PDB file of N, CA and C in Angstrom:
ATOM      1  N   MET A   1     -31.242  -8.512  18.432  1.00  0.00           N
ATOM      2  CA  MET A   1     -30.865  -9.718  18.088  1.00  0.00           C
ATOM      3  C   MET A   1     -29.379  -9.807  17.153  1.00  0.00           C
ATOM      4  N   ARG A   2     -29.458  -9.663  16.378  1.00  0.00           N
ATOM      5  CA  ARG A   2     -28.262  -9.487  15.176  1.00  0.00           C
ATOM      6  C   ARG A   2     -27.289  -8.871  15.628  1.00  0.00           C
ATOM      7  N   SER A   3     -27.762  -7.099  15.798  1.00  0.00           N
ATOM      8  CA  SER A   3     -27.010  -6.394  15.921  1.00  0.00           C
ATOM      9  C   SER A   3     -26.227  -6.328  17.626  1.00  0.00           C
ATOM     10  N   ILE A   4     -26.379  -7.213  18.355  1.00  0.00           N
ATOM     11  CA  ILE A   4     -25.590  -7.512  19.756  1.00  0.00           C
ATOM     12  C   ILE A   4     -24.646  -9.009  19.353  1.00  0.00           C
ATOM     13  N   LEU A   5     -25.250  -9.362  18.292  1.00  0.00           N
ATOM     14  CA  LEU A   5     -24.235 -10.723  17.973  1.00  0.00           C
ATOM     15  C   LEU A   5     -22.972  -9.825  17.288  1.00  0.00           C
ATOM     16  N   PHE A   6     -23.645  -8.924  16.502  1.00  0.00           N
ATOM     17  CA  PHE A   6     -21.816  -8.079  15.521  1.00  0.00           C
ATOM     18  C   PHE A   6     -20.983  -7.248  16.495  1.00  0.00           C
ATOM     19  N   GLY A   7     -22.239  -7.210  17.504  1.00  0.00           N
ATOM     20  CA  GLY A   7     -21.287  -6.438  18.213  1.00  0.00           C
ATOM     21  C   GLY A   7     -20.258  -7.377  19.459  1.00  0.00           C
ATOM     22  N   ILE A   8     -20.641  -8.173  19.802  1.00  0.00           N
ATOM     23  CA  ILE A   8     -19.962  -9.182  20.855  1.00  0.00           C
ATOM     24  C   ILE A   8     -18.556  -9.587  19.792  1.00  0.00           C
ATOM     25  N   LEU A   9     -19.339  -9.814  18.309  1.00  0.00           N
ATOM     26  CA  LEU A   9     -17.898 -10.697  17.377  1.00  0.00           C
ATOM     27  C   LEU A   9     -16.757  -9.799  17.491  1.00  0.00           C
ATOM     28  N   ALA A  10     -17.220  -8.492  17.215  1.00  0.00           N
ATOM     29  CA  ALA A  10     -16.212  -7.197  17.158  1.00  0.00           C
ATOM     30  C   ALA A  10     -15.302  -6.753  18.221  1.00  0.00           C
ATOM     31  N   LEU A  11     -15.982  -7.289  19.461  1.00  0.00           N
ATOM     32  CA  LEU A  11     -15.281  -7.112  20.683  1.00  0.00           C
ATOM     33  C   LEU A  11     -14.159  -8.117  20.724  1.00  0.00           C
ATOM     34  N   LEU A  12     -14.964  -9.154  20.855  1.00  0.00           N
ATOM     35  CA  LEU A  12     -13.961 -10.355  20.806  1.00  0.00           C
ATOM     36  C   LEU A  12     -12.314 -10.359  19.929  1.00  0.00           C
ATOM     37  N   ALA A  13     -12.620  -9.961  18.850  1.00  0.00           N
ATOM     38  CA  ALA A  13     -11.648  -9.279  17.718  1.00  0.00           C
ATOM     39  C   ALA A  13     -10.857  -8.804  18.020  1.00  0.00           C
ATOM     40  N   LEU A  14     -11.488  -7.271  18.358  1.00  0.00           N
ATOM     41  CA  LEU A  14     -10.764  -6.722  19.011  1.00  0.00           C
ATOM     42  C   LEU A  14      -9.876  -7.019  20.655  1.00  0.00           C
ATOM     43  N   ILE A  15     -10.534  -7.835  20.952  1.00  0.00           N
ATOM     44  CA  ILE A  15      -9.603  -8.767  22.187  1.00  0.00           C
ATOM     45  C   ILE A  15      -8.226  -9.722  21.842  1.00  0.00           C
ATOM     46  N   VAL A  16      -9.165 -10.273  20.249  1.00  0.00           N
ATOM     47  CA  VAL A  16      -8.044 -11.198  20.038  1.00  0.00           C
ATOM     48  C   VAL A  16      -6.369 -10.187  19.584  1.00  0.00           C
ATOM     49  N   ILE A  17      -6.938  -9.410  18.765  1.00  0.00           N
ATOM     50  CA  ILE A  17      -6.365  -8.573  17.877  1.00  0.00           C
ATOM     51  C   ILE A  17      -4.727  -7.850  18.891  1.00  0.00           C
ATOM     52  N   SER A  18      -5.877  -7.512  20.043  1.00  0.00           N
ATOM     53  CA  SER A  18      -4.838  -7.064  20.714  1.00  0.00           C
ATOM     54  C   SER A  18      -3.739  -7.438  21.604  1.00  0.00           C
ATOM     55  N   ALA A  19      -4.651  -9.074  21.758  1.00  0.00           N
ATOM     56  CA  ALA A  19      -3.806 -10.467  22.658  1.00  0.00           C
ATOM     57  C   ALA A  19      -2.438 -10.616  21.741  1.00  0.00           C
ATOM     58  N   LEU A  20      -2.766 -11.070  21.122  1.00  0.00           N
ATOM     59  CA  LEU A  20      -1.491 -11.157  19.678  1.00  0.00           C
ATOM     60  C   LEU A  20      -0.547  -9.727  19.306  1.00  0.00           C
ATOM     61  N   GLY A  21      -1.154  -9.026  19.864  1.00  0.00           N
ATOM     62  CA  GLY A  21       0.119  -7.736  18.975  1.00  0.00           C
ATOM     63  C   GLY A  21       0.230  -7.450  18.157  1.00  0.00           C
ATOM     64  N   VAL A  22      -0.841  -7.311  16.938  1.00  0.00           N
ATOM     65  CA  VAL A  22      -0.150  -7.613  16.122  1.00  0.00           C
ATOM     66  C   VAL A  22       0.006  -6.034  15.853  1.00  0.00           C
ATOM     67  N   PRO A  23       0.869  -5.569  14.935  1.00  0.00           N
ATOM     68  CA  PRO A  23       1.632  -3.743  15.155  1.00  0.00           C
ATOM     69  C   PRO A  23       1.059  -3.107  14.153  1.00  0.00           C
ATOM     70  N   GLY A  24       0.253  -1.943  14.972  1.00  0.00           N
ATOM     71  CA  GLY A  24      -0.004  -1.250  13.996  1.00  0.00           C
ATOM     72  C   GLY A  24      -1.619  -1.312  13.644  1.00  0.00           C
ATOM     73  N   ALA A  25      -2.482  -2.660  14.573  1.00  0.00           N
ATOM     74  CA  ALA A  25      -3.738  -2.726  14.740  1.00  0.00           C
ATOM     75  C   ALA A  25      -4.781  -1.782  14.994  1.00  0.00           C
ATOM     76  N   LEU A  26      -3.852  -1.423  16.333  1.00  0.00           N
ATOM     77  CA  LEU A  26      -4.867  -0.732  17.136  1.00  0.00           C
ATOM     78  C   LEU A  26      -4.125   0.992  17.249  1.00  0.00           C
ATOM     79  N   ALA A  27      -3.336   1.381  17.308  1.00  0.00           N
ATOM     80  CA  ALA A  27      -2.505   2.693  17.171  1.00  0.00           C
ATOM     81  C   ALA A  27      -1.699   2.835  16.573  1.00  0.00           C
ATOM     82  N   GLN A  28      -1.316   3.621  15.486  1.00  0.00           N
ATOM     83  CA  GLN A  28      -0.870   4.195  14.694  1.00  0.00           C
ATOM     84  C   GLN A  28       1.220   3.691  15.009  1.00  0.00           C
ATOM     85  N   GLY A  29       1.423   3.107  14.108  1.00  0.00           N
ATOM     86  CA  GLY A  29       2.998   2.160  14.771  1.00  0.00           C
ATOM     87  C   GLY A  29       3.160   1.602  15.252  1.00  0.00           C
ATOM     88  N   GLY A  30       1.814   1.056  16.022  1.00  0.00           N
ATOM     89  CA  GLY A  30       1.973  -0.119  17.027  1.00  0.00           C
ATOM     90  C   GLY A  30       3.023   0.137  18.129  1.00  0.00           C
ATOM     91  N   GLY A  31       3.365   1.294  18.442  1.00  0.00           N
ATOM     92  CA  GLY A  31       4.035   1.887  19.080  1.00  0.00           C
ATOM     93  C   GLY A  31       6.073   2.006  19.388  1.00  0.00           C
ATOM     94  N   LYS A  32       6.075   1.345  17.712  1.00  0.00           N
ATOM     95  CA  LYS A  32       7.806   1.727  16.977  1.00  0.00           C
ATOM     96  C   LYS A  32       7.469   3.562  16.753  1.00  0.00           C
ATOM     97  N   SER A  33       9.058   3.538  16.631  1.00  0.00           N
ATOM     98  CA  SER A  33       9.575   4.952  16.488  1.00  0.00           C
ATOM     99  C   SER A  33       8.600   5.200  15.184  1.00  0.00           C
ATOM    100  N   GLN A  34       9.523   6.197  14.228  1.00  0.00           N
ATOM    101  CA  GLN A  34       9.449   6.280  12.991  1.00  0.00           C
ATOM    102  C   GLN A  34      10.708   5.757  12.262  1.00  0.00           C
ATOM    103  N   ARG A  35      11.248   5.795  12.858  1.00  0.00           N
ATOM    104  CA  ARG A  35      12.884   5.635  12.170  1.00  0.00           C
ATOM    105  C   ARG A  35      13.186   3.520  12.185  1.00  0.00           C
ATOM    106  N   ASP A  36      12.092   3.008  12.885  1.00  0.00           N
ATOM    107  CA  ASP A  36      12.412   1.834  12.903  1.00  0.00           C
ATOM    108  C   ASP A  36      11.129   0.938  11.821  1.00  0.00           C
ATOM    109  N   GLY A  37      10.558   1.952  11.415  1.00  0.00           N
ATOM    110  CA  GLY A  37       9.807   1.697  10.209  1.00  0.00           C
ATOM    111  C   GLY A  37      10.024   1.239   8.827  1.00  0.00           C
ATOM    112  N   PRO A  38       9.813   0.913   7.790  1.00  0.00           N
ATOM    113  CA  PRO A  38      10.272   0.674   5.826  1.00  0.00           C
ATOM    114  C   PRO A  38      10.363   2.235   5.639  1.00  0.00           C
ATOM    115  N   GLN A  39      11.192   2.647   5.200  1.00  0.00           N
ATOM    116  CA  GLN A  39      11.619   3.934   4.085  1.00  0.00           C
ATOM    117  C   GLN A  39      10.854   3.873   2.934  1.00  0.00           C
ATOM    118  N   ALA A  40      10.650   5.307   3.106  1.00  0.00           N
ATOM    119  CA  ALA A  40      10.229   5.803   1.886  1.00  0.00           C
ATOM    120  C   ALA A  40      10.560   5.854   0.544  1.00  0.00           C
ATOM    121  N   ALA A  41      10.121   5.727  -0.927  1.00  0.00           N
ATOM    122  CA  ALA A  41      10.919   5.149  -1.831  1.00  0.00           C
ATOM    123  C   ALA A  41      11.640   6.774  -1.909  1.00  0.00           C
ATOM    124  N   VAL A  42      12.714   6.442  -2.573  1.00  0.00           N
ATOM    125  CA  VAL A  42      13.768   7.870  -2.303  1.00  0.00           C
ATOM    126  C   VAL A  42      13.490   8.917  -2.894  1.00  0.00           C
ATOM    127  N   GLY A  43      12.296   9.158  -3.682  1.00  0.00           N
ATOM    128  CA  GLY A  43      12.072  10.498  -4.212  1.00  0.00           C
ATOM    129  C   GLY A  43      10.794  11.241  -3.271  1.00  0.00           C
ATOM    130  N   HIS A  44      10.558  10.337  -1.988  1.00  0.00           N
ATOM    131  CA  HIS A  44       9.465  10.954  -1.027  1.00  0.00           C
ATOM    132  C   HIS A  44       9.510  10.911   0.116  1.00  0.00           C
ATOM    133  N   ARG A  45      10.982  10.561   0.322  1.00  0.00           N
ATOM    134  CA  ARG A  45      11.705  10.880   2.190  1.00  0.00           C
ATOM    135  C   ARG A  45      12.196  11.992   1.566  1.00  0.00           C
ATOM    136  N   GLN A  46      12.449  12.618   3.397  1.00  0.00           N
ATOM    137  CA  GLN A  46      13.168  13.805   3.565  1.00  0.00           C
ATOM    138  C   GLN A  46      14.310  13.267   3.348  1.00  0.00           C
ATOM    139  N   PRO A  47      15.324  14.669   2.993  1.00  0.00           N
ATOM    140  CA  PRO A  47      16.689  14.882   2.966  1.00  0.00           C
ATOM    141  C   PRO A  47      17.420  14.807   4.352  1.00  0.00           C
ATOM    142  N   THR A  48      18.208  13.735   4.373  1.00  0.00           N
ATOM    143  CA  THR A  48      19.301  14.104   5.827  1.00  0.00           C
ATOM    144  C   THR A  48      20.633  14.980   5.562  1.00  0.00           C
ATOM    145  N   GLY A  49      20.871  15.167   6.882  1.00  0.00           N
ATOM    146  CA  GLY A  49      23.013  15.972   6.347  1.00  0.00           C
ATOM    147  C   GLY A  49      23.557  14.868   5.692  1.00  0.00           C
ATOM    148  N   GLN A  50      23.777  13.550   5.786  1.00  0.00           N
ATOM    149  CA  GLN A  50      23.884  12.819   5.027  1.00  0.00           C
ATOM    150  C   GLN A  50      23.952  12.666   3.533  1.00  0.00           C
ATOM    151  N   ASP A  51      22.698  12.766   3.231  1.00  0.00           N
ATOM    152  CA  ASP A  51      22.094  12.880   2.007  1.00  0.00           C
ATOM    153  C   ASP A  51      22.866  14.226   1.004  1.00  0.00           C
ATOM    154  N   VAL A  52      22.883  15.159   1.969  1.00  0.00           N
ATOM    155  CA  VAL A  52      23.285  16.243   1.516  1.00  0.00           C
ATOM    156  C   VAL A  52      24.603  16.400   1.171  1.00  0.00           C
ATOM    157  N   GLN A  53      25.531  16.374   0.775  1.00  0.00           N
ATOM    158  CA  GLN A  53      27.108  16.785   0.702  1.00  0.00           C
ATOM    159  C   GLN A  53      28.063  17.303   0.435  1.00  0.00           C
ATOM    160  N   GLY A  54      27.003  17.922  -0.637  1.00  0.00           N
ATOM    161  CA  GLY A  54      27.701  19.156  -1.521  1.00  0.00           C
ATOM    162  C   GLY A  54      27.297  20.868  -1.013  1.00  0.00           C
ATOM    163  N   VAL A  55      27.024  20.378   0.634  1.00  0.00           N
ATOM    164  CA  VAL A  55      26.403  21.961   0.473  1.00  0.00           C
ATOM    165  C   VAL A  55      27.289  22.239   1.734  1.00  0.00           C
ATOM    166  N   GLN A  56      28.305  23.596   1.805  1.00  0.00           N
ATOM    167  CA  GLN A  56      28.830  24.019   2.942  1.00  0.00           C
ATOM    168  C   GLN A  56      28.138  25.670   3.122  1.00  0.00           C
ATOM    169  N   LYS A  57      28.610  25.450   4.153  1.00  0.00           N
ATOM    170  CA  LYS A  57      28.520  26.976   5.051  1.00  0.00           C
ATOM    171  C   LYS A  57      29.315  27.760   4.416  1.00  0.00           C
ATOM    172  N   GLY A  58      28.738  28.988   4.275  1.00  0.00           N
ATOM    173  CA  GLY A  58      29.574  30.366   3.927  1.00  0.00           C
ATOM    174  C   GLY A  58      30.169  29.868   2.730  1.00  0.00           C
ATOM    175  N   SER A  59      28.934  29.351   1.473  1.00  0.00           N
ATOM    176  CA  SER A  59      29.673  29.207   0.120  1.00  0.00           C
ATOM    177  C   SER A  59      29.791  30.770  -0.451  1.00  0.00           C
ATOM    178  N   SER A  60      30.406  31.100  -1.381  1.00  0.00           N
ATOM    179  CA  SER A  60      30.489  32.491  -2.359  1.00  0.00           C
ATOM    180  C   SER A  60      29.235  32.738  -2.160  1.00  0.00           C
ATOM    181  N   ALA A  61      28.705  32.108  -2.707  1.00  0.00           N
ATOM    182  CA  ALA A  61      27.051  32.381  -3.597  1.00  0.00           C
ATOM    183  C   ALA A  61      26.667  33.182  -1.862  1.00  0.00           C
ATOM    184  N   ASP A  62      26.604  32.091  -0.864  1.00  0.00           N
ATOM    185  CA  ASP A  62      26.532  32.726   0.450  1.00  0.00           C
ATOM    186  C   ASP A  62      26.503  33.892   0.787  1.00  0.00           C
ATOM    187  N   GLN A  63      28.170  34.456   0.195  1.00  0.00           N
ATOM    188  CA  GLN A  63      28.886  35.462   0.960  1.00  0.00           C
ATOM    189  C   GLN A  63      28.080  36.860   0.099  1.00  0.00           C
ATOM    190  N   ALA A  64      28.083  36.327  -1.623  1.00  0.00           N
ATOM    191  CA  ALA A  64      27.458  37.666  -2.058  1.00  0.00           C
ATOM    192  C   ALA A  64      26.261  38.010  -1.822  1.00  0.00           C
ATOM    193  N   VAL A  65      25.362  36.975  -1.632  1.00  0.00           N
ATOM    194  CA  VAL A  65      24.209  37.598  -0.759  1.00  0.00           C
ATOM    195  C   VAL A  65      24.296  38.085   0.522  1.00  0.00           C
ATOM    196  N   LYS A  66      24.636  37.939   1.376  1.00  0.00           N
ATOM    197  CA  LYS A  66      24.953  37.992   2.212  1.00  0.00           C
ATOM    198  C   LYS A  66      25.967  39.668   1.976  1.00  0.00           C
ATOM    199  N   LYS A  67      26.670  40.116   1.344  1.00  0.00           N
ATOM    200  CA  LYS A  67      26.926  41.172   0.807  1.00  0.00           C
ATOM    201  C   LYS A  67      26.027  41.966   0.473  1.00  0.00           C
ATOM    202  N   ALA A  68      25.001  41.390  -0.526  1.00  0.00           N
ATOM    203  CA  ALA A  68      23.993  42.594  -1.409  1.00  0.00           C
ATOM    204  C   ALA A  68      23.165  42.737   0.103  1.00  0.00           C
ATOM    205  N   ASP A  69      22.962  42.216   1.155  1.00  0.00           N
ATOM    206  CA  ASP A  69      22.286  42.120   2.086  1.00  0.00           C
ATOM    207  C   ASP A  69      22.416  43.587   2.792  1.00  0.00           C
ATOM    208  N   ASP A  70      24.022  43.571   3.267  1.00  0.00           N
ATOM    209  CA  ASP A  70      23.995  44.075   4.167  1.00  0.00           C
ATOM    210  C   ASP A  70      24.725  45.679   3.639  1.00  0.00           C
ATOM    211  N   ASN A  71      24.723  45.834   1.830  1.00  0.00           N
ATOM    212  CA  ASN A  71      24.655  46.659   1.375  1.00  0.00           C
ATOM    213  C   ASN A  71      23.380  47.961   1.588  1.00  0.00           C
ATOM    214  N   LEU A  72      22.128  46.709   1.382  1.00  0.00           N
ATOM    215  CA  LEU A  72      20.719  47.313   1.036  1.00  0.00           C
ATOM    216  C   LEU A  72      20.644  47.649   2.870  1.00  0.00           C
ATOM    217  N   ASN A  73      20.580  47.084   3.517  1.00  0.00           N
ATOM    218  CA  ASN A  73      20.818  47.778   5.542  1.00  0.00           C
ATOM    219  C   ASN A  73      21.374  48.970   5.380  1.00  0.00           C
ATOM    220  N   LYS A  74      23.041  49.332   4.465  1.00  0.00           N
ATOM    221  CA  LYS A  74      22.886  50.518   5.090  1.00  0.00           C
ATOM    222  C   LYS A  74      22.541  51.639   4.562  1.00  0.00           C
ATOM    223  N   LYS A  75      21.949  51.299   3.177  1.00  0.00           N
ATOM    224  CA  LYS A  75      20.768  52.358   1.998  1.00  0.00           C
ATOM    225  C   LYS A  75      19.756  52.784   3.341  1.00  0.00           C
ATOM    226  N   LEU A  76      18.927  51.655   3.961  1.00  0.00           N
ATOM    227  CA  LEU A  76      17.963  52.000   4.073  1.00  0.00           C
ATOM    228  C   LEU A  76      17.784  52.392   5.518  1.00  0.00           C
ATOM    229  N   GLY A  77      19.423  52.338   6.483  1.00  0.00           N
ATOM    230  CA  GLY A  77      19.205  52.500   7.508  1.00  0.00           C
ATOM    231  C   GLY A  77      18.392  53.626   8.263  1.00  0.00           C
ATOM    232  N   GLY A  78      18.541  54.638   7.325  1.00  0.00           N
ATOM    233  CA  GLY A  78      18.031  56.174   7.392  1.00  0.00           C
ATOM    234  C   GLY A  78      16.655  56.287   7.689  1.00  0.00           C
ATOM    235  N   ILE A  79      16.068  55.458   6.992  1.00  0.00           N
ATOM    236  CA  ILE A  79      14.886  54.901   6.457  1.00  0.00           C
ATOM    237  C   ILE A  79      13.671  54.499   7.639  1.00  0.00           C
ATOM    238  N   CYS A  80      13.582  53.496   8.021  1.00  0.00           N
ATOM    239  CA  CYS A  80      13.300  52.908   9.009  1.00  0.00           C
ATOM    240  C   CYS A  80      13.934  53.261  10.065  1.00  0.00           C
ATOM    241  N   ARG A  81      13.411  53.630  11.713  1.00  0.00           N
ATOM    242  CA  ARG A  81      14.355  54.054  12.803  1.00  0.00           C
ATOM    243  C   ARG A  81      13.408  53.067  13.359  1.00  0.00           C
ATOM    244  N   GLY A  82      13.244  51.662  13.695  1.00  0.00           N
ATOM    245  CA  GLY A  82      13.019  50.790  15.004  1.00  0.00           C
ATOM    246  C   GLY A  82      11.360  50.472  14.909  1.00  0.00           C
ATOM    247  N   CYS A  83      10.852  50.824  13.799  1.00  0.00           N
ATOM    248  CA  CYS A  83       9.876  50.873  13.656  1.00  0.00           C
ATOM    249  C   CYS A  83       8.833  49.431  13.499  1.00  0.00           C
TER     250      CYS A  83
END
């Protein structure tokens, strides 16, 4: 008898919560997109393009690494033949 009563009360609670439209009560996010929610603390969020302003494409460090890679590829060109 007691288990039937608790089952009915749980079912009624779910019906009331879904009727009120409490966000996040039944489904994670409540149907809202990730960008609509609150942001994480600064140390915990992923950087975006706006956060990283000092990085340039083709900087001198990138060019130096590319040059070293090209030299190594020239030296190793005869060793590996499409394996």
